[in-house]
């Protein structure tokens, strides 16, 4: 089975929709996604994801099931540079998060003092349980660190969602701390991530990432990827986000 994960196109957060550039990016996805033999489409209920999905779904006459756990990850915590404010649990400054060794631990990351008393682990469980329910529906049942291929298949399913929640459920599939994924991976708006099962022993499946955050659909149309979610490549690049 293949999971095709699409991050929404360039967002207009104020209106929970897309910018004009975002609309162009979403329209350029159509050619890529419409050629796939897709078993089922799933989408975050948020407007920017639904708008992104609509370009492809309208073109091919399909619909997507809305899954609440695909909304942007709702875990919040206070960070050293945001005292007194609980904000998204990523976008940490490197000098702050890297000194907490528990953040690297795939089993104990949420026990870090910085996350004590927050909703981060609770929200993580909502996402991972939602993912496992979806995969079980498609024939793959979690068993420890791998999946039992109850009904192995070559189906393709597409998920339209957000940067944060994507990092969380991909980290779960790969056995990586979500903090590391949230800090280290930044798929551009409208990017495509492809994850496939591997069943090297009959009945036992694992997931392998074939591509993460691909923007080839933009490059072939000479559309520059959006810088949203990234920070300045060099501090002196004052035209980029600081």
Protein backbone atom coordinates (compact mmCIF):
# COMPACT_ATOMS: atom_id res chain seq x y z
CA UNK A 1 0.00 0.00 0.00
CA UNK A 2 1.09 3.57 -0.64
CA UNK A 3 0.28 6.65 1.40
CA UNK A 4 0.43 9.88 -0.60
CA UNK A 5 0.58 12.76 1.88
CA UNK A 6 -0.07 16.25 0.51
CA UNK A 7 0.61 19.37 2.54
CA UNK A 8 -1.88 22.15 1.78
CA UNK A 9 -0.71 24.80 -0.68
CA UNK A 10 0.51 28.27 0.39
CA UNK A 11 -1.91 29.27 3.15
CA UNK A 12 -3.92 32.36 3.89
CA UNK A 13 -4.12 31.67 7.61
CA UNK A 14 -6.32 34.67 8.34
CA UNK A 15 -9.13 33.24 6.21
CA UNK A 16 -8.16 29.56 6.57
CA UNK A 17 -7.84 29.29 2.82
CA UNK A 18 -5.12 29.71 0.19
CA UNK A 19 -3.33 32.69 -1.28
CA UNK A 20 -3.43 33.30 -5.02
CA UNK A 21 -0.07 31.55 -5.22
CA UNK A 22 -1.55 28.70 -3.17
CA UNK A 23 -4.32 28.32 -5.72
CA UNK A 24 -1.71 28.06 -8.49
CA UNK A 25 0.22 25.46 -6.51
CA UNK A 26 -2.92 23.40 -5.85
CA UNK A 27 -3.91 23.55 -9.51
CA UNK A 28 -0.47 22.23 -10.48
CA UNK A 29 -1.02 19.20 -8.26
CA UNK A 30 -3.95 18.07 -10.36
CA UNK A 31 -1.92 16.57 -13.18
CA UNK A 32 0.20 14.52 -10.76
CA UNK A 33 -2.59 13.29 -8.50
CA UNK A 34 -5.24 12.69 -11.17
CA UNK A 35 -2.99 10.12 -12.85
CA UNK A 36 -2.88 7.93 -9.75
CA UNK A 37 -5.22 4.99 -9.23
CA UNK A 38 -6.47 6.16 -5.81
CA UNK A 39 -8.50 3.88 -3.58
CA UNK A 40 -9.60 6.64 -1.19
CA UNK A 41 -9.02 10.30 -0.43
CA UNK A 42 -8.88 11.71 3.11
CA UNK A 43 -8.65 15.33 4.16
CA UNK A 44 -8.24 17.61 7.15
CA UNK A 45 -11.46 19.52 7.92
CA UNK A 46 -9.56 22.83 7.85
CA UNK A 47 -10.26 25.17 4.94
CA UNK A 48 -6.73 25.41 3.55
CA UNK A 49 -6.48 21.62 3.20
CA UNK A 50 -9.98 21.30 1.76
CA UNK A 51 -9.26 24.08 -0.75
CA UNK A 52 -6.07 22.32 -1.82
CA UNK A 53 -7.88 19.01 -2.26
CA UNK A 54 -10.77 20.57 -4.18
CA UNK A 55 -8.72 21.24 -7.31
CA UNK A 56 -7.95 17.55 -7.79
CA UNK A 57 -11.24 16.16 -6.49
CA UNK A 58 -13.35 18.43 -8.70
CA UNK A 59 -11.27 17.50 -11.73
CA UNK A 60 -11.75 13.76 -11.30
CA UNK A 61 -15.22 13.78 -9.75
CA UNK A 62 -14.20 12.29 -6.42
CA UNK A 63 -14.79 13.21 -2.77
CA UNK A 64 -12.61 12.98 0.33
CA UNK A 65 -13.58 11.77 3.78
CA UNK A 66 -12.86 14.42 6.42
CA UNK A 67 -10.83 13.12 9.37
CA UNK A 68 -10.57 15.40 12.45
CA UNK A 69 -7.19 13.96 13.47
CA UNK A 70 -5.70 15.22 10.19
CA UNK A 71 -6.17 18.83 11.36
CA UNK A 72 -2.98 20.74 12.09
CA UNK A 73 -1.31 19.29 15.19
CA UNK A 74 -2.80 21.01 18.24
CA UNK A 75 -0.04 20.30 20.75
CA UNK A 76 1.02 23.51 22.51
CA UNK A 77 3.82 24.34 24.92
CA UNK A 78 5.73 27.29 26.30
CA UNK A 79 9.22 27.76 24.91
CA UNK A 80 12.14 29.82 26.25
CA UNK A 81 11.63 32.42 23.52
CA UNK A 82 7.84 32.56 24.09
CA UNK A 83 7.58 32.91 27.90
CA UNK A 84 4.04 32.93 29.24
CA UNK A 85 2.54 31.79 25.93
CA UNK A 86 1.64 28.25 24.90
CA UNK A 87 2.34 28.01 21.18
CA UNK A 88 2.90 25.25 18.62
CA UNK A 89 5.34 22.69 19.97
CA UNK A 90 7.82 23.15 17.13
CA UNK A 91 9.74 26.17 15.80
CA UNK A 92 12.08 25.89 18.79
CA UNK A 93 15.36 27.75 18.60
CA UNK A 94 18.14 25.18 18.08
CA UNK A 95 20.07 26.27 21.17
CA UNK A 96 16.99 25.50 23.27
CA UNK A 97 15.60 22.19 22.04
CA UNK A 98 18.89 20.42 21.27
CA UNK A 99 20.07 20.58 24.88
CA UNK A 100 17.10 18.48 26.02
CA UNK A 101 18.23 14.90 25.33
CA UNK A 102 14.79 13.46 26.04
CA UNK A 103 13.54 15.18 22.89
CA UNK A 104 15.62 12.68 20.88
CA UNK A 105 14.16 9.65 22.67
CA UNK A 106 11.42 8.01 20.62
CA UNK A 107 9.81 6.47 23.70
CA UNK A 108 10.27 9.19 26.33
CA UNK A 109 10.30 12.49 24.42
CA UNK A 110 7.02 13.61 26.01
CA UNK A 111 8.47 13.19 29.53
CA UNK A 112 10.79 16.16 29.02
CA UNK A 113 10.16 18.83 31.70
CA UNK A 114 9.44 21.37 28.95
CA UNK A 115 6.31 19.38 28.01
CA UNK A 116 5.08 18.66 31.53
CA UNK A 117 1.49 19.79 32.05
CA UNK A 118 0.92 20.40 28.32
CA UNK A 119 -1.51 18.77 25.89
CA UNK A 120 1.25 17.63 23.52
CA UNK A 121 1.27 13.92 24.35
CA UNK A 122 -2.54 13.75 24.49
CA UNK A 123 -2.76 15.27 21.02
CA UNK A 124 -0.02 12.95 19.78
CA UNK A 125 -2.08 9.94 20.86
CA UNK A 126 -5.15 11.29 19.08
CA UNK A 127 -3.17 11.48 15.84
CA UNK A 128 -1.44 8.11 16.12
CA UNK A 129 -4.62 6.29 17.13
CA UNK A 130 -6.43 7.91 14.23
CA UNK A 131 -3.70 6.77 11.86
CA UNK A 132 -3.82 3.21 13.19
CA UNK A 133 -7.59 3.10 12.78
CA UNK A 134 -7.24 4.25 9.18
CA UNK A 135 -4.51 1.73 8.38
CA UNK A 136 -6.51 -1.08 10.00
CA UNK A 137 -9.43 -0.14 7.76
CA UNK A 138 -7.10 -0.66 4.80
CA UNK A 139 -5.72 -3.98 6.01
CA UNK A 140 -2.70 -3.13 8.18
CA UNK A 141 -2.89 -3.58 11.97
CA UNK A 142 -0.26 -2.19 14.34
CA UNK A 143 1.66 -4.81 16.27
CA UNK A 144 4.49 -3.36 18.32
CA UNK A 145 6.84 -1.50 16.02
CA UNK A 146 5.48 -2.92 12.77
CA UNK A 147 2.16 -3.74 11.10
CA UNK A 148 0.47 -7.07 10.59
CA UNK A 149 -0.54 -7.30 6.94
CA UNK A 150 -4.01 -8.74 7.51
CA UNK A 151 -5.15 -7.83 4.01
CA UNK A 152 -2.00 -6.87 2.07
CA UNK A 153 -2.72 -4.76 -0.98
CA UNK A 154 -1.31 -2.40 -3.59
CA UNK A 155 -3.88 0.32 -2.92
CA UNK A 156 -3.00 4.01 -2.93
CA UNK A 157 -4.62 6.41 -0.49
CA UNK A 158 -4.17 10.20 -0.47
CA UNK A 159 -4.19 12.39 2.64
CA UNK A 160 -4.45 16.19 2.43
CA UNK A 161 -3.18 17.71 5.66
CA UNK A 162 -0.62 20.00 7.34
CA UNK A 163 3.09 20.24 8.13
CA UNK A 164 2.83 19.51 11.86
CA UNK A 165 0.44 16.58 11.80
CA UNK A 166 2.35 15.04 8.89
CA UNK A 167 5.58 15.13 10.90
CA UNK A 168 3.81 13.55 13.88
CA UNK A 169 2.32 10.55 12.10
CA UNK A 170 5.38 9.96 9.90
CA UNK A 171 7.56 9.93 13.04
CA UNK A 172 5.21 7.30 14.48
CA UNK A 173 5.48 5.12 11.38
CA UNK A 174 9.27 5.33 11.41
CA UNK A 175 9.89 5.08 15.17
CA UNK A 176 11.37 8.57 15.49
CA UNK A 177 10.74 11.24 18.12
CA UNK A 178 8.15 13.66 16.73
CA UNK A 179 10.16 16.59 18.09
CA UNK A 180 13.05 15.65 15.82
CA UNK A 181 10.72 15.38 12.83
CA UNK A 182 8.97 18.65 13.64
CA UNK A 183 12.26 20.50 13.95
CA UNK A 184 14.16 18.83 11.13
CA UNK A 185 11.69 18.43 8.26
CA UNK A 186 9.91 21.25 6.44
CA UNK A 187 7.88 20.05 3.44
CA UNK A 188 6.94 23.03 1.29
CA UNK A 189 3.31 23.98 0.70
CA UNK A 190 1.62 21.65 -1.82
CA UNK A 191 4.50 19.18 -1.50
CA UNK A 192 3.97 15.45 -1.87
CA UNK A 193 5.33 12.73 0.40
CA UNK A 194 5.15 9.08 -0.67
CA UNK A 195 5.32 6.26 1.87
CA UNK A 196 5.04 2.60 0.89
CA UNK A 197 4.67 -0.64 2.78
CA UNK A 198 7.35 -3.30 2.54
CA UNK A 199 6.39 -6.91 3.27
CA UNK A 200 9.75 -8.68 3.22
CA UNK A 201 8.38 -11.44 5.45
CA UNK A 202 4.87 -12.58 4.62
CA UNK A 203 2.33 -10.96 6.91
CA UNK A 204 4.74 -8.43 8.42
CA UNK A 205 4.80 -4.91 6.99
CA UNK A 206 6.76 -1.77 7.68
CA UNK A 207 6.62 1.65 6.08
CA UNK A 208 9.41 3.25 4.08
CA UNK A 209 9.50 6.86 2.87
CA UNK A 210 10.16 6.98 -0.87
CA UNK A 211 10.07 10.77 -1.13
CA UNK A 212 9.47 13.53 1.41
CA UNK A 213 8.16 16.93 0.45
CA UNK A 214 8.53 16.60 -3.32
CA UNK A 215 7.75 19.77 -5.29
CA UNK A 216 8.46 18.43 -8.75
CA UNK A 217 4.98 19.47 -9.89
CA UNK A 218 6.00 23.09 -9.22
CA UNK A 219 9.40 22.93 -10.88
CA UNK A 220 8.08 21.47 -14.12
CA UNK A 221 5.78 24.51 -14.35
CA UNK A 222 8.53 26.97 -13.31
CA UNK A 223 6.58 27.81 -10.14
CA UNK A 224 8.91 28.58 -7.26
CA UNK A 225 8.03 26.68 -4.04
CA UNK A 226 6.63 28.82 -1.26
CA UNK A 227 8.93 29.70 1.63
CA UNK A 228 6.12 29.20 4.17
CA UNK A 229 7.26 27.29 7.31
CA UNK A 230 10.94 27.87 6.57
CA UNK A 231 13.26 30.37 8.21
CA UNK A 232 16.05 32.44 6.65
CA UNK A 233 18.81 30.37 5.10
CA UNK A 234 21.34 32.94 6.28
CA UNK A 235 20.63 35.49 8.99
CA UNK A 236 21.64 38.29 6.62
CA UNK A 237 18.93 37.23 4.11
CA UNK A 238 16.59 39.95 5.33
CA UNK A 239 14.02 39.24 2.61
CA UNK A 240 13.41 35.80 4.15
CA UNK A 241 11.47 34.93 7.29
CA UNK A 242 13.34 35.46 10.56
